[in-house]
Amino acid sequence: MIYLFAGDDVNNKRKAYENFLKSISKKIEILSVNRNNFNPMQIESLYSGAGLFSEKSVIIFENICEHEETRDFVLEKLPLIGKSSNDFIFLESKLTKSILDDFKKVRAELNIFELSKEAKEKFNNFLLANALGDKDKLNLWVNYRLAIDKGVGMEELIGVLFWKAKDMILKKNFNKFTEEELKNFASKISYLLPEARQKGLDDESAFEQFLLEAF
């Protein structure tokens, strides 16, 4: 069975996801897969066989659909994953209609959490991007806190900051940062949440600490 938790309403999505995890028997083996430890051969063994140490396993995929190299492989294998004796949980940010349709085709249980239009319009994410461009740590942190308080998802904020760093590199805008600094920032922020969750750290605290130490 496939279970999908997706959308930009991060708080409600996370609560539903955590409540679902609590319903899983402690006797069942739980494995976590993200971009850092993604191995196609291992994935194939997970959907084709039983658990390693129990009759059944639950495999958690975190933000696999955010990256083309992992997304394409998993979407192609969804029909086989759906027929597996193991259960697969996908924790994702906002997905496109075509990707959602792929999950619908394999009869996945969809749990979609979207912020209302009003909530999205309350904060201008580019205030955060501009603060990064200006190398203004204070306004970067202030606008981050404002965005979080207004319910903007961390995946969305990370996407904006990642885009800004990449945009500055493409435009060769090295007035405030060197090219190496921007590449390092983009690389670290792309792995931030998966690594924090793997270590059992709080997402919000890990993101805030990253911003305070970014430059």
N, C-alpha and C. Protein backbone atom coordinates (compact mmCIF):
# COMPACT_ATOMS: atom_id res chain seq x y z
N MET A 1 0.85 -1.19 0.00
CA MET A 1 0.00 0.00 0.00
C MET A 1 0.89 1.24 0.00
N ILE A 2 0.45 2.27 -0.71
CA ILE A 2 1.19 3.53 -0.77
C ILE A 2 0.37 4.62 -0.07
N TYR A 3 1.04 5.36 0.78
CA TYR A 3 0.41 6.48 1.49
C TYR A 3 1.19 7.76 1.14
N LEU A 4 0.47 8.77 0.69
CA LEU A 4 1.12 10.03 0.31
C LEU A 4 0.67 11.16 1.23
N PHE A 5 1.63 11.87 1.80
CA PHE A 5 1.37 13.08 2.58
C PHE A 5 2.10 14.22 1.86
N ALA A 6 1.33 15.15 1.29
CA ALA A 6 1.94 16.19 0.47
C ALA A 6 1.19 17.52 0.62
N GLY A 7 1.83 18.59 0.14
CA GLY A 7 1.20 19.90 0.17
C GLY A 7 2.07 20.94 0.86
N ASP A 8 1.67 22.21 0.76
CA ASP A 8 2.47 23.28 1.34
C ASP A 8 2.00 23.71 2.73
N ASP A 9 0.94 23.08 3.24
CA ASP A 9 0.52 23.33 4.62
C ASP A 9 1.34 22.40 5.51
N VAL A 10 2.56 22.81 5.79
CA VAL A 10 3.53 21.92 6.43
C VAL A 10 3.09 21.49 7.83
N ASN A 11 2.54 22.42 8.59
CA ASN A 11 2.18 22.09 9.98
C ASN A 11 1.14 20.97 10.05
N ASN A 12 0.04 21.12 9.32
CA ASN A 12 -1.02 20.10 9.35
C ASN A 12 -0.58 18.80 8.69
N LYS A 13 0.23 18.92 7.65
CA LYS A 13 0.76 17.73 6.98
C LYS A 13 1.64 16.94 7.94
N ARG A 14 2.51 17.64 8.64
CA ARG A 14 3.42 16.98 9.58
C ARG A 14 2.66 16.30 10.72
N LYS A 15 1.61 16.98 11.23
CA LYS A 15 0.81 16.40 12.31
C LYS A 15 0.13 15.11 11.86
N ALA A 16 -0.47 15.14 10.66
CA ALA A 16 -1.15 13.95 10.14
C ALA A 16 -0.15 12.81 9.91
N TYR A 17 1.00 13.15 9.38
CA TYR A 17 2.05 12.17 9.12
C TYR A 17 2.54 11.53 10.43
N GLU A 18 2.78 12.35 11.44
CA GLU A 18 3.26 11.83 12.72
C GLU A 18 2.20 10.98 13.41
N ASN A 19 0.94 11.39 13.30
CA ASN A 19 -0.14 10.58 13.89
C ASN A 19 -0.24 9.22 13.19
N PHE A 20 -0.02 9.23 11.88
CA PHE A 20 -0.05 7.97 11.13
C PHE A 20 1.09 7.06 11.58
N LEU A 21 2.27 7.61 11.78
CA LEU A 21 3.40 6.81 12.23
C LEU A 21 3.13 6.16 13.58
N LYS A 22 2.42 6.88 14.45
CA LYS A 22 2.11 6.35 15.77
C LYS A 22 1.18 5.13 15.69
N SER A 23 0.42 5.05 14.60
CA SER A 23 -0.53 3.93 14.45
C SER A 23 0.15 2.65 13.97
N ILE A 24 1.42 2.75 13.57
CA ILE A 24 2.15 1.58 13.07
C ILE A 24 2.66 0.75 14.25
N SER A 25 2.45 -0.52 14.18
CA SER A 25 2.90 -1.42 15.24
C SER A 25 4.41 -1.32 15.43
N LYS A 26 4.84 -1.35 16.68
CA LYS A 26 6.26 -1.28 16.99
C LYS A 26 7.01 -2.52 16.53
N LYS A 27 6.26 -3.56 16.22
CA LYS A 27 6.88 -4.80 15.76
C LYS A 27 7.29 -4.73 14.29
N ILE A 28 6.76 -3.72 13.60
CA ILE A 28 7.04 -3.59 12.17
C ILE A 28 8.31 -2.78 11.95
N GLU A 29 9.14 -3.27 11.08
CA GLU A 29 10.40 -2.60 10.75
C GLU A 29 10.11 -1.35 9.92
N ILE A 30 10.70 -0.19 10.31
CA ILE A 30 10.53 1.07 9.58
C ILE A 30 11.87 1.52 9.02
N LEU A 31 11.90 1.77 7.72
CA LEU A 31 13.12 2.24 7.06
C LEU A 31 12.87 3.61 6.45
N SER A 32 13.89 4.45 6.43
CA SER A 32 13.75 5.80 5.89
C SER A 32 14.69 5.98 4.71
N VAL A 33 14.16 6.54 3.62
CA VAL A 33 14.96 6.77 2.41
C VAL A 33 14.82 8.23 2.00
N ASN A 34 15.96 8.89 1.78
CA ASN A 34 15.95 10.25 1.25
C ASN A 34 16.99 10.34 0.14
N ARG A 35 17.21 11.54 -0.35
CA ARG A 35 18.14 11.69 -1.48
C ARG A 35 19.56 11.24 -1.13
N ASN A 36 19.93 11.42 0.13
CA ASN A 36 21.30 11.11 0.55
C ASN A 36 21.60 9.62 0.52
N ASN A 37 20.61 8.79 0.87
CA ASN A 37 20.86 7.34 0.92
C ASN A 37 20.06 6.56 -0.11
N PHE A 38 19.59 7.26 -1.16
CA PHE A 38 18.78 6.63 -2.21
C PHE A 38 19.64 5.70 -3.04
N ASN A 39 19.22 4.43 -3.10
CA ASN A 39 19.94 3.42 -3.88
C ASN A 39 18.92 2.61 -4.68
N PRO A 40 18.91 2.76 -6.01
CA PRO A 40 17.91 2.07 -6.84
C PRO A 40 17.84 0.57 -6.60
N MET A 41 18.98 -0.08 -6.43
CA MET A 41 18.97 -1.54 -6.21
C MET A 41 18.30 -1.88 -4.88
N GLN A 42 18.57 -1.05 -3.88
CA GLN A 42 17.94 -1.28 -2.58
C GLN A 42 16.44 -1.07 -2.67
N ILE A 43 16.03 -0.03 -3.40
CA ILE A 43 14.59 0.26 -3.54
C ILE A 43 13.89 -0.94 -4.19
N GLU A 44 14.50 -1.49 -5.22
CA GLU A 44 13.91 -2.64 -5.89
C GLU A 44 13.77 -3.83 -4.95
N SER A 45 14.75 -4.02 -4.09
CA SER A 45 14.66 -5.13 -3.14
C SER A 45 13.57 -4.86 -2.09
N LEU A 46 13.32 -3.59 -1.77
CA LEU A 46 12.33 -3.26 -0.76
C LEU A 46 10.90 -3.51 -1.24
N TYR A 47 10.63 -3.24 -2.52
CA TYR A 47 9.26 -3.48 -2.99
C TYR A 47 9.06 -4.91 -3.51
N SER A 48 10.15 -5.62 -3.74
CA SER A 48 10.00 -6.98 -4.27
C SER A 48 10.04 -8.06 -3.20
N GLY A 49 10.47 -7.71 -1.99
CA GLY A 49 10.58 -8.71 -0.94
C GLY A 49 9.95 -8.28 0.35
N ALA A 50 10.01 -9.15 1.35
CA ALA A 50 9.48 -8.84 2.67
C ALA A 50 10.51 -8.04 3.45
N GLY A 51 10.22 -7.75 4.70
CA GLY A 51 11.13 -7.00 5.53
C GLY A 51 12.40 -7.78 5.83
N LEU A 52 13.45 -7.05 6.19
CA LEU A 52 14.71 -7.69 6.49
C LEU A 52 14.66 -8.45 7.80
N PHE A 53 13.98 -7.87 8.79
CA PHE A 53 13.95 -8.47 10.12
C PHE A 53 12.53 -8.77 10.59
N SER A 54 11.55 -8.57 9.74
CA SER A 54 10.17 -8.88 10.09
C SER A 54 9.42 -9.26 8.83
N GLU A 55 8.22 -9.77 8.98
CA GLU A 55 7.45 -10.21 7.82
C GLU A 55 7.05 -9.05 6.92
N LYS A 56 6.98 -7.86 7.51
CA LYS A 56 6.54 -6.70 6.76
C LYS A 56 7.36 -5.47 7.16
N SER A 57 7.60 -4.59 6.20
CA SER A 57 8.33 -3.36 6.47
C SER A 57 7.50 -2.15 6.04
N VAL A 58 7.80 -1.01 6.64
CA VAL A 58 7.25 0.27 6.22
C VAL A 58 8.43 1.12 5.77
N ILE A 59 8.38 1.58 4.55
CA ILE A 59 9.47 2.38 4.00
C ILE A 59 8.99 3.81 3.82
N ILE A 60 9.72 4.76 4.40
CA ILE A 60 9.37 6.17 4.34
C ILE A 60 10.27 6.86 3.32
N PHE A 61 9.66 7.44 2.30
CA PHE A 61 10.39 8.25 1.31
C PHE A 61 10.18 9.72 1.66
N GLU A 62 11.26 10.46 1.88
CA GLU A 62 11.16 11.87 2.23
C GLU A 62 11.66 12.76 1.09
N ASN A 63 10.76 13.56 0.53
CA ASN A 63 11.07 14.54 -0.51
C ASN A 63 11.80 13.92 -1.71
N ILE A 64 11.43 12.70 -2.03
CA ILE A 64 12.02 12.01 -3.17
C ILE A 64 11.59 12.65 -4.49
N CYS A 65 10.39 13.21 -4.51
CA CYS A 65 9.86 13.78 -5.76
C CYS A 65 10.39 15.18 -6.04
N GLU A 66 11.22 15.72 -5.16
CA GLU A 66 11.78 17.05 -5.38
C GLU A 66 12.94 17.02 -6.37
N HIS A 67 13.55 15.87 -6.54
CA HIS A 67 14.76 15.77 -7.35
C HIS A 67 14.54 14.83 -8.53
N GLU A 68 14.88 15.30 -9.71
CA GLU A 68 14.56 14.57 -10.94
C GLU A 68 15.12 13.15 -10.95
N GLU A 69 16.38 12.99 -10.48
CA GLU A 69 17.02 11.69 -10.59
C GLU A 69 16.34 10.63 -9.72
N THR A 70 15.81 11.04 -8.57
CA THR A 70 15.10 10.09 -7.71
C THR A 70 13.62 10.00 -8.09
N ARG A 71 13.03 11.14 -8.45
CA ARG A 71 11.60 11.18 -8.79
C ARG A 71 11.28 10.29 -9.98
N ASP A 72 12.05 10.40 -11.04
CA ASP A 72 11.75 9.64 -12.26
C ASP A 72 11.81 8.13 -12.00
N PHE A 73 12.80 7.71 -11.23
CA PHE A 73 12.93 6.28 -10.93
C PHE A 73 11.74 5.78 -10.14
N VAL A 74 11.36 6.51 -9.09
CA VAL A 74 10.27 6.07 -8.21
C VAL A 74 8.93 6.09 -8.94
N LEU A 75 8.67 7.13 -9.72
CA LEU A 75 7.39 7.21 -10.42
C LEU A 75 7.24 6.07 -11.42
N GLU A 76 8.34 5.69 -12.04
CA GLU A 76 8.30 4.57 -12.99
C GLU A 76 7.98 3.26 -12.27
N LYS A 77 8.46 3.14 -11.03
CA LYS A 77 8.27 1.90 -10.26
C LYS A 77 7.01 1.91 -9.40
N LEU A 78 6.23 3.00 -9.41
CA LEU A 78 5.05 3.08 -8.55
C LEU A 78 4.10 1.89 -8.68
N PRO A 79 3.79 1.41 -9.90
CA PRO A 79 2.88 0.26 -10.01
C PRO A 79 3.40 -0.97 -9.25
N LEU A 80 4.71 -1.20 -9.32
CA LEU A 80 5.30 -2.33 -8.61
C LEU A 80 5.33 -2.07 -7.10
N ILE A 81 5.60 -0.84 -6.72
CA ILE A 81 5.62 -0.48 -5.30
C ILE A 81 4.23 -0.67 -4.71
N GLY A 82 3.22 -0.31 -5.49
CA GLY A 82 1.84 -0.43 -5.01
C GLY A 82 1.41 -1.86 -4.79
N LYS A 83 2.03 -2.80 -5.48
CA LYS A 83 1.68 -4.22 -5.34
C LYS A 83 2.51 -4.93 -4.28
N SER A 84 3.45 -4.21 -3.69
CA SER A 84 4.36 -4.82 -2.72
C SER A 84 3.64 -5.24 -1.44
N SER A 85 4.19 -6.24 -0.78
CA SER A 85 3.65 -6.65 0.53
C SER A 85 4.06 -5.67 1.62
N ASN A 86 5.04 -4.82 1.33
CA ASN A 86 5.45 -3.77 2.26
C ASN A 86 4.64 -2.50 2.01
N ASP A 87 4.60 -1.62 3.00
CA ASP A 87 3.91 -0.34 2.86
C ASP A 87 4.94 0.76 2.61
N PHE A 88 4.54 1.73 1.78
CA PHE A 88 5.43 2.84 1.44
C PHE A 88 4.74 4.16 1.75
N ILE A 89 5.44 5.00 2.50
CA ILE A 89 4.91 6.32 2.86
C ILE A 89 5.75 7.38 2.15
N PHE A 90 5.09 8.29 1.46
CA PHE A 90 5.77 9.40 0.80
C PHE A 90 5.45 10.69 1.53
N LEU A 91 6.48 11.38 1.99
CA LEU A 91 6.32 12.69 2.62
C LEU A 91 6.92 13.72 1.67
N GLU A 92 6.04 14.52 1.06
CA GLU A 92 6.48 15.42 -0.01
C GLU A 92 5.95 16.84 0.19
N SER A 93 6.55 17.78 -0.51
CA SER A 93 6.04 19.14 -0.52
C SER A 93 4.93 19.23 -1.57
N LYS A 94 4.67 20.38 -2.10
CA LYS A 94 3.60 20.54 -3.09
C LYS A 94 3.98 19.83 -4.38
N LEU A 95 3.07 18.99 -4.89
CA LEU A 95 3.33 18.22 -6.10
C LEU A 95 2.49 18.72 -7.27
N THR A 96 3.00 18.49 -8.47
CA THR A 96 2.25 18.88 -9.66
C THR A 96 1.09 17.92 -9.88
N LYS A 97 0.13 18.33 -10.70
CA LYS A 97 -1.04 17.50 -10.98
C LYS A 97 -0.63 16.18 -11.63
N SER A 98 0.36 16.21 -12.51
CA SER A 98 0.77 14.99 -13.21
C SER A 98 1.34 13.96 -12.23
N ILE A 99 2.10 14.44 -11.25
CA ILE A 99 2.66 13.52 -10.25
C ILE A 99 1.55 12.95 -9.38
N LEU A 100 0.62 13.81 -8.97
CA LEU A 100 -0.52 13.34 -8.18
C LEU A 100 -1.33 12.30 -8.95
N ASP A 101 -1.46 12.52 -10.25
CA ASP A 101 -2.20 11.56 -11.09
C ASP A 101 -1.51 10.20 -11.10
N ASP A 102 -0.18 10.21 -11.08
CA ASP A 102 0.57 8.94 -11.03
C ASP A 102 0.25 8.17 -9.75
N PHE A 103 0.14 8.90 -8.64
CA PHE A 103 -0.20 8.26 -7.36
C PHE A 103 -1.65 7.77 -7.37
N LYS A 104 -2.53 8.54 -8.01
CA LYS A 104 -3.93 8.12 -8.08
C LYS A 104 -4.09 6.84 -8.89
N LYS A 105 -3.30 6.72 -9.95
CA LYS A 105 -3.40 5.54 -10.82
C LYS A 105 -3.09 4.24 -10.08
N VAL A 106 -2.23 4.33 -9.06
CA VAL A 106 -1.87 3.11 -8.32
C VAL A 106 -2.68 3.02 -7.02
N ARG A 107 -3.75 3.83 -6.94
CA ARG A 107 -4.67 3.81 -5.82
C ARG A 107 -3.99 4.07 -4.47
N ALA A 108 -3.07 5.00 -4.48
CA ALA A 108 -2.42 5.40 -3.23
C ALA A 108 -3.43 6.16 -2.37
N GLU A 109 -3.24 6.09 -1.07
CA GLU A 109 -4.07 6.89 -0.17
C GLU A 109 -3.48 8.29 -0.13
N LEU A 110 -4.23 9.27 -0.63
CA LEU A 110 -3.73 10.64 -0.74
C LEU A 110 -4.14 11.48 0.46
N ASN A 111 -3.16 12.12 1.07
CA ASN A 111 -3.40 13.06 2.17
C ASN A 111 -2.75 14.37 1.77
N ILE A 112 -3.55 15.26 1.18
CA ILE A 112 -3.03 16.51 0.62
C ILE A 112 -3.43 17.68 1.52
N PHE A 113 -2.44 18.48 1.88
CA PHE A 113 -2.67 19.61 2.78
C PHE A 113 -2.17 20.89 2.11
N GLU A 114 -3.12 21.74 1.72
CA GLU A 114 -2.78 22.97 1.01
C GLU A 114 -3.16 24.20 1.83
N LEU A 115 -2.28 25.19 1.84
CA LEU A 115 -2.60 26.46 2.49
C LEU A 115 -3.66 27.19 1.67
N SER A 116 -4.50 27.92 2.36
CA SER A 116 -5.53 28.71 1.66
C SER A 116 -4.86 29.83 0.87
N LYS A 117 -5.55 30.35 -0.10
CA LYS A 117 -5.02 31.43 -0.92
C LYS A 117 -4.69 32.64 -0.05
N GLU A 118 -5.54 32.90 0.94
CA GLU A 118 -5.33 34.04 1.84
C GLU A 118 -4.03 33.86 2.62
N ALA A 119 -3.77 32.66 3.09
CA ALA A 119 -2.57 32.41 3.87
C ALA A 119 -1.31 32.60 3.02
N LYS A 120 -1.39 32.19 1.76
CA LYS A 120 -0.23 32.30 0.88
C LYS A 120 0.07 33.77 0.55
N GLU A 121 -0.97 34.58 0.48
CA GLU A 121 -0.80 35.97 0.08
C GLU A 121 -0.36 36.87 1.23
N LYS A 122 -0.33 36.34 2.42
CA LYS A 122 0.01 37.16 3.58
C LYS A 122 1.50 37.48 3.68
N PHE A 123 2.33 36.69 3.04
CA PHE A 123 3.77 36.91 3.14
C PHE A 123 4.42 36.87 1.77
N ASN A 124 5.29 37.82 1.52
CA ASN A 124 6.03 37.89 0.27
C ASN A 124 7.36 37.17 0.45
N ASN A 125 7.47 35.97 -0.10
CA ASN A 125 8.67 35.16 0.08
C ASN A 125 9.94 35.83 -0.45
N PHE A 126 9.76 36.76 -1.38
CA PHE A 126 10.94 37.40 -1.97
C PHE A 126 11.61 38.39 -1.03
N LEU A 127 10.93 38.73 0.08
CA LEU A 127 11.59 39.51 1.12
C LEU A 127 12.76 38.71 1.68
N LEU A 128 12.55 37.42 1.78
CA LEU A 128 13.59 36.52 2.27
C LEU A 128 14.72 36.43 1.24
N ALA A 129 14.36 36.30 -0.02
CA ALA A 129 15.35 36.21 -1.08
C ALA A 129 16.17 37.49 -1.18
N ASN A 130 15.51 38.63 -1.06
CA ASN A 130 16.22 39.91 -1.13
C ASN A 130 17.19 40.09 0.03
N ALA A 131 16.80 39.60 1.21
CA ALA A 131 17.69 39.69 2.37
C ALA A 131 18.94 38.86 2.14
N LEU A 132 18.78 37.68 1.51
CA LEU A 132 19.94 36.87 1.18
C LEU A 132 20.81 37.58 0.17
N GLY A 133 20.19 38.15 -0.86
CA GLY A 133 20.95 38.87 -1.89
C GLY A 133 21.74 40.03 -1.32
N ASP A 134 21.20 40.67 -0.29
CA ASP A 134 21.86 41.82 0.35
C ASP A 134 22.84 41.38 1.44
N LYS A 135 22.90 40.09 1.69
CA LYS A 135 23.73 39.53 2.77
C LYS A 135 23.37 40.18 4.11
N ASP A 136 22.06 40.33 4.31
CA ASP A 136 21.52 40.99 5.49
C ASP A 136 21.00 39.91 6.45
N LYS A 137 21.85 39.49 7.37
CA LYS A 137 21.49 38.38 8.27
C LYS A 137 20.30 38.71 9.14
N LEU A 138 20.23 39.96 9.63
CA LEU A 138 19.12 40.34 10.51
C LEU A 138 17.79 40.22 9.80
N ASN A 139 17.67 40.83 8.61
CA ASN A 139 16.41 40.78 7.87
C ASN A 139 16.12 39.38 7.35
N LEU A 140 17.16 38.61 7.10
CA LEU A 140 16.96 37.21 6.68
C LEU A 140 16.26 36.46 7.80
N TRP A 141 16.75 36.62 9.01
CA TRP A 141 16.16 35.94 10.16
C TRP A 141 14.76 36.50 10.48
N VAL A 142 14.60 37.82 10.46
CA VAL A 142 13.30 38.44 10.76
C VAL A 142 12.23 37.97 9.79
N ASN A 143 12.56 37.97 8.51
CA ASN A 143 11.58 37.56 7.50
C ASN A 143 11.30 36.06 7.55
N TYR A 144 12.30 35.30 7.94
CA TYR A 144 12.08 33.86 8.14
C TYR A 144 11.06 33.65 9.26
N ARG A 145 11.24 34.35 10.38
CA ARG A 145 10.31 34.20 11.50
C ARG A 145 8.91 34.66 11.11
N LEU A 146 8.80 35.75 10.36
CA LEU A 146 7.49 36.23 9.92
C LEU A 146 6.80 35.19 9.04
N ALA A 147 7.57 34.59 8.14
CA ALA A 147 7.00 33.59 7.23
C ALA A 147 6.51 32.36 8.00
N ILE A 148 7.31 31.89 8.94
CA ILE A 148 6.93 30.73 9.73
C ILE A 148 5.68 31.03 10.56
N ASP A 149 5.64 32.20 11.16
CA ASP A 149 4.49 32.58 11.99
C ASP A 149 3.20 32.68 11.18
N LYS A 150 3.34 32.96 9.88
CA LYS A 150 2.17 33.07 9.01
C LYS A 150 1.85 31.75 8.30
N GLY A 151 2.56 30.70 8.67
CA GLY A 151 2.22 29.38 8.14
C GLY A 151 2.85 29.01 6.83
N VAL A 152 3.84 29.77 6.36
CA VAL A 152 4.50 29.41 5.11
C VAL A 152 5.36 28.18 5.34
N GLY A 153 5.29 27.21 4.45
CA GLY A 153 6.02 25.97 4.63
C GLY A 153 7.52 26.14 4.47
N MET A 154 8.28 25.39 5.25
CA MET A 154 9.74 25.48 5.18
C MET A 154 10.27 25.02 3.84
N GLU A 155 9.61 24.02 3.23
CA GLU A 155 10.04 23.57 1.90
C GLU A 155 9.94 24.71 0.89
N GLU A 156 8.88 25.51 1.03
CA GLU A 156 8.70 26.64 0.11
C GLU A 156 9.78 27.70 0.33
N LEU A 157 10.11 27.98 1.59
CA LEU A 157 11.13 28.98 1.90
C LEU A 157 12.51 28.51 1.43
N ILE A 158 12.78 27.24 1.63
CA ILE A 158 14.05 26.69 1.17
C ILE A 158 14.14 26.77 -0.35
N GLY A 159 13.02 26.51 -1.02
CA GLY A 159 13.00 26.61 -2.48
C GLY A 159 13.32 28.01 -2.97
N VAL A 160 12.79 29.02 -2.28
CA VAL A 160 13.04 30.42 -2.66
C VAL A 160 14.51 30.78 -2.46
N LEU A 161 15.07 30.38 -1.33
CA LEU A 161 16.47 30.69 -1.04
C LEU A 161 17.42 29.93 -1.97
N PHE A 162 17.07 28.68 -2.27
CA PHE A 162 17.88 27.90 -3.21
C PHE A 162 17.86 28.56 -4.59
N TRP A 163 16.65 28.99 -5.02
CA TRP A 163 16.52 29.68 -6.31
C TRP A 163 17.35 30.95 -6.34
N LYS A 164 17.30 31.73 -5.25
CA LYS A 164 18.02 32.99 -5.20
C LYS A 164 19.51 32.77 -5.32
N ALA A 165 20.04 31.79 -4.59
CA ALA A 165 21.47 31.51 -4.67
C ALA A 165 21.87 31.09 -6.09
N LYS A 166 21.07 30.21 -6.70
CA LYS A 166 21.35 29.76 -8.06
C LYS A 166 21.26 30.91 -9.06
N ASP A 167 20.27 31.79 -8.85
CA ASP A 167 20.08 32.94 -9.74
C ASP A 167 21.28 33.87 -9.67
N MET A 168 21.80 34.08 -8.47
CA MET A 168 22.98 34.95 -8.31
C MET A 168 24.20 34.33 -8.98
N ILE A 169 24.31 33.01 -8.92
CA ILE A 169 25.43 32.33 -9.59
C ILE A 169 25.32 32.47 -11.10
N LEU A 170 24.12 32.24 -11.64
CA LEU A 170 23.92 32.34 -13.09
C LEU A 170 24.16 33.75 -13.61
N LYS A 171 23.77 34.74 -12.82
CA LYS A 171 23.94 36.15 -13.21
C LYS A 171 25.31 36.69 -12.83
N LYS A 172 26.14 35.82 -12.22
CA LYS A 172 27.47 36.21 -11.76
C LYS A 172 27.42 37.44 -10.85
N ASN A 173 26.43 37.42 -9.98
CA ASN A 173 26.27 38.50 -9.00
C ASN A 173 27.08 38.16 -7.75
N PHE A 174 28.36 38.54 -7.78
CA PHE A 174 29.25 38.20 -6.68
C PHE A 174 29.69 39.44 -5.89
N ASN A 175 28.78 40.41 -5.79
CA ASN A 175 29.10 41.63 -5.04
C ASN A 175 29.17 41.37 -3.54
N LYS A 176 28.28 40.51 -3.05
CA LYS A 176 28.20 40.23 -1.61
C LYS A 176 28.79 38.86 -1.24
N PHE A 177 28.68 37.92 -2.16
CA PHE A 177 29.16 36.56 -1.93
C PHE A 177 30.11 36.16 -3.05
N THR A 178 31.02 35.25 -2.75
CA THR A 178 31.82 34.65 -3.81
C THR A 178 31.01 33.53 -4.44
N GLU A 179 31.41 33.10 -5.62
CA GLU A 179 30.71 32.00 -6.28
C GLU A 179 30.76 30.74 -5.42
N GLU A 180 31.89 30.49 -4.79
CA GLU A 180 32.05 29.31 -3.94
C GLU A 180 31.09 29.36 -2.74
N GLU A 181 30.93 30.55 -2.14
CA GLU A 181 30.02 30.71 -1.00
C GLU A 181 28.59 30.42 -1.41
N LEU A 182 28.18 30.90 -2.57
CA LEU A 182 26.81 30.68 -3.05
C LEU A 182 26.57 29.20 -3.37
N LYS A 183 27.54 28.56 -3.99
CA LYS A 183 27.40 27.14 -4.30
C LYS A 183 27.31 26.31 -3.01
N ASN A 184 28.09 26.69 -2.03
CA ASN A 184 28.08 25.99 -0.74
C ASN A 184 26.74 26.18 -0.04
N PHE A 185 26.21 27.42 -0.10
CA PHE A 185 24.90 27.72 0.49
C PHE A 185 23.81 26.89 -0.17
N ALA A 186 23.79 26.87 -1.50
CA ALA A 186 22.77 26.13 -2.24
C ALA A 186 22.85 24.64 -1.96
N SER A 187 24.06 24.11 -1.89
CA SER A 187 24.25 22.69 -1.62
C SER A 187 23.75 22.31 -0.23
N LYS A 188 24.13 23.10 0.78
CA LYS A 188 23.75 22.79 2.15
C LYS A 188 22.25 22.91 2.38
N ILE A 189 21.63 23.95 1.80
CA ILE A 189 20.21 24.16 2.07
C ILE A 189 19.35 23.10 1.37
N SER A 190 19.83 22.53 0.28
CA SER A 190 19.06 21.51 -0.43
C SER A 190 18.97 20.21 0.38
N TYR A 191 19.95 19.99 1.26
CA TYR A 191 19.96 18.78 2.09
C TYR A 191 19.51 19.04 3.52
N LEU A 192 19.19 20.29 3.83
CA LEU A 192 18.96 20.69 5.22
C LEU A 192 17.90 19.88 5.94
N LEU A 193 16.69 19.85 5.40
CA LEU A 193 15.59 19.17 6.09
C LEU A 193 15.77 17.65 6.14
N PRO A 194 16.13 16.99 5.04
CA PRO A 194 16.34 15.54 5.13
C PRO A 194 17.39 15.16 6.18
N GLU A 195 18.49 15.92 6.24
CA GLU A 195 19.54 15.61 7.20
C GLU A 195 19.07 15.86 8.63
N ALA A 196 18.30 16.95 8.82
CA ALA A 196 17.78 17.25 10.16
C ALA A 196 16.85 16.15 10.64
N ARG A 197 15.98 15.67 9.75
CA ARG A 197 15.03 14.62 10.12
C ARG A 197 15.75 13.29 10.37
N GLN A 198 16.80 13.05 9.59
CA GLN A 198 17.55 11.81 9.77
C GLN A 198 18.22 11.80 11.14
N LYS A 199 18.63 12.97 11.62
CA LYS A 199 19.29 13.09 12.92
C LYS A 199 18.29 13.27 14.06
N GLY A 200 17.00 13.35 13.72
CA GLY A 200 15.98 13.51 14.74
C GLY A 200 15.87 14.93 15.26
N LEU A 201 16.34 15.91 14.47
CA LEU A 201 16.30 17.31 14.88
C LEU A 201 14.99 17.96 14.47
N ASP A 202 14.59 19.00 15.18
CA ASP A 202 13.40 19.76 14.84
C ASP A 202 13.65 20.57 13.57
N ASP A 203 12.75 20.45 12.58
CA ASP A 203 12.93 21.14 11.30
C ASP A 203 13.12 22.64 11.46
N GLU A 204 12.23 23.25 12.22
CA GLU A 204 12.23 24.70 12.36
C GLU A 204 13.51 25.19 13.02
N SER A 205 13.94 24.51 14.06
CA SER A 205 15.16 24.91 14.77
C SER A 205 16.39 24.73 13.89
N ALA A 206 16.42 23.63 13.13
CA ALA A 206 17.56 23.36 12.24
C ALA A 206 17.65 24.43 11.15
N PHE A 207 16.50 24.82 10.61
CA PHE A 207 16.47 25.84 9.56
C PHE A 207 16.93 27.18 10.12
N GLU A 208 16.42 27.54 11.29
CA GLU A 208 16.77 28.81 11.91
C GLU A 208 18.26 28.87 12.21
N GLN A 209 18.82 27.81 12.76
CA GLN A 209 20.24 27.76 13.07
C GLN A 209 21.07 27.88 11.80
N PHE A 210 20.61 27.22 10.73
CA PHE A 210 21.33 27.30 9.46
C PHE A 210 21.41 28.75 8.97
N LEU A 211 20.29 29.46 9.04
CA LEU A 211 20.26 30.85 8.57
C LEU A 211 21.17 31.75 9.41
N LEU A 212 21.19 31.51 10.71
CA LEU A 212 22.01 32.34 11.60
C LEU A 212 23.51 32.09 11.39
N GLU A 213 23.84 30.90 10.89
CA GLU A 213 25.25 30.56 10.70
C GLU A 213 25.67 30.56 9.23
N ALA A 214 24.74 30.96 8.35
CA ALA A 214 24.99 30.84 6.90
C ALA A 214 26.11 31.77 6.43
N PHE A 215 26.22 32.95 7.06
CA PHE A 215 27.31 33.89 6.70
C PHE A 215 27.53 34.86 7.84
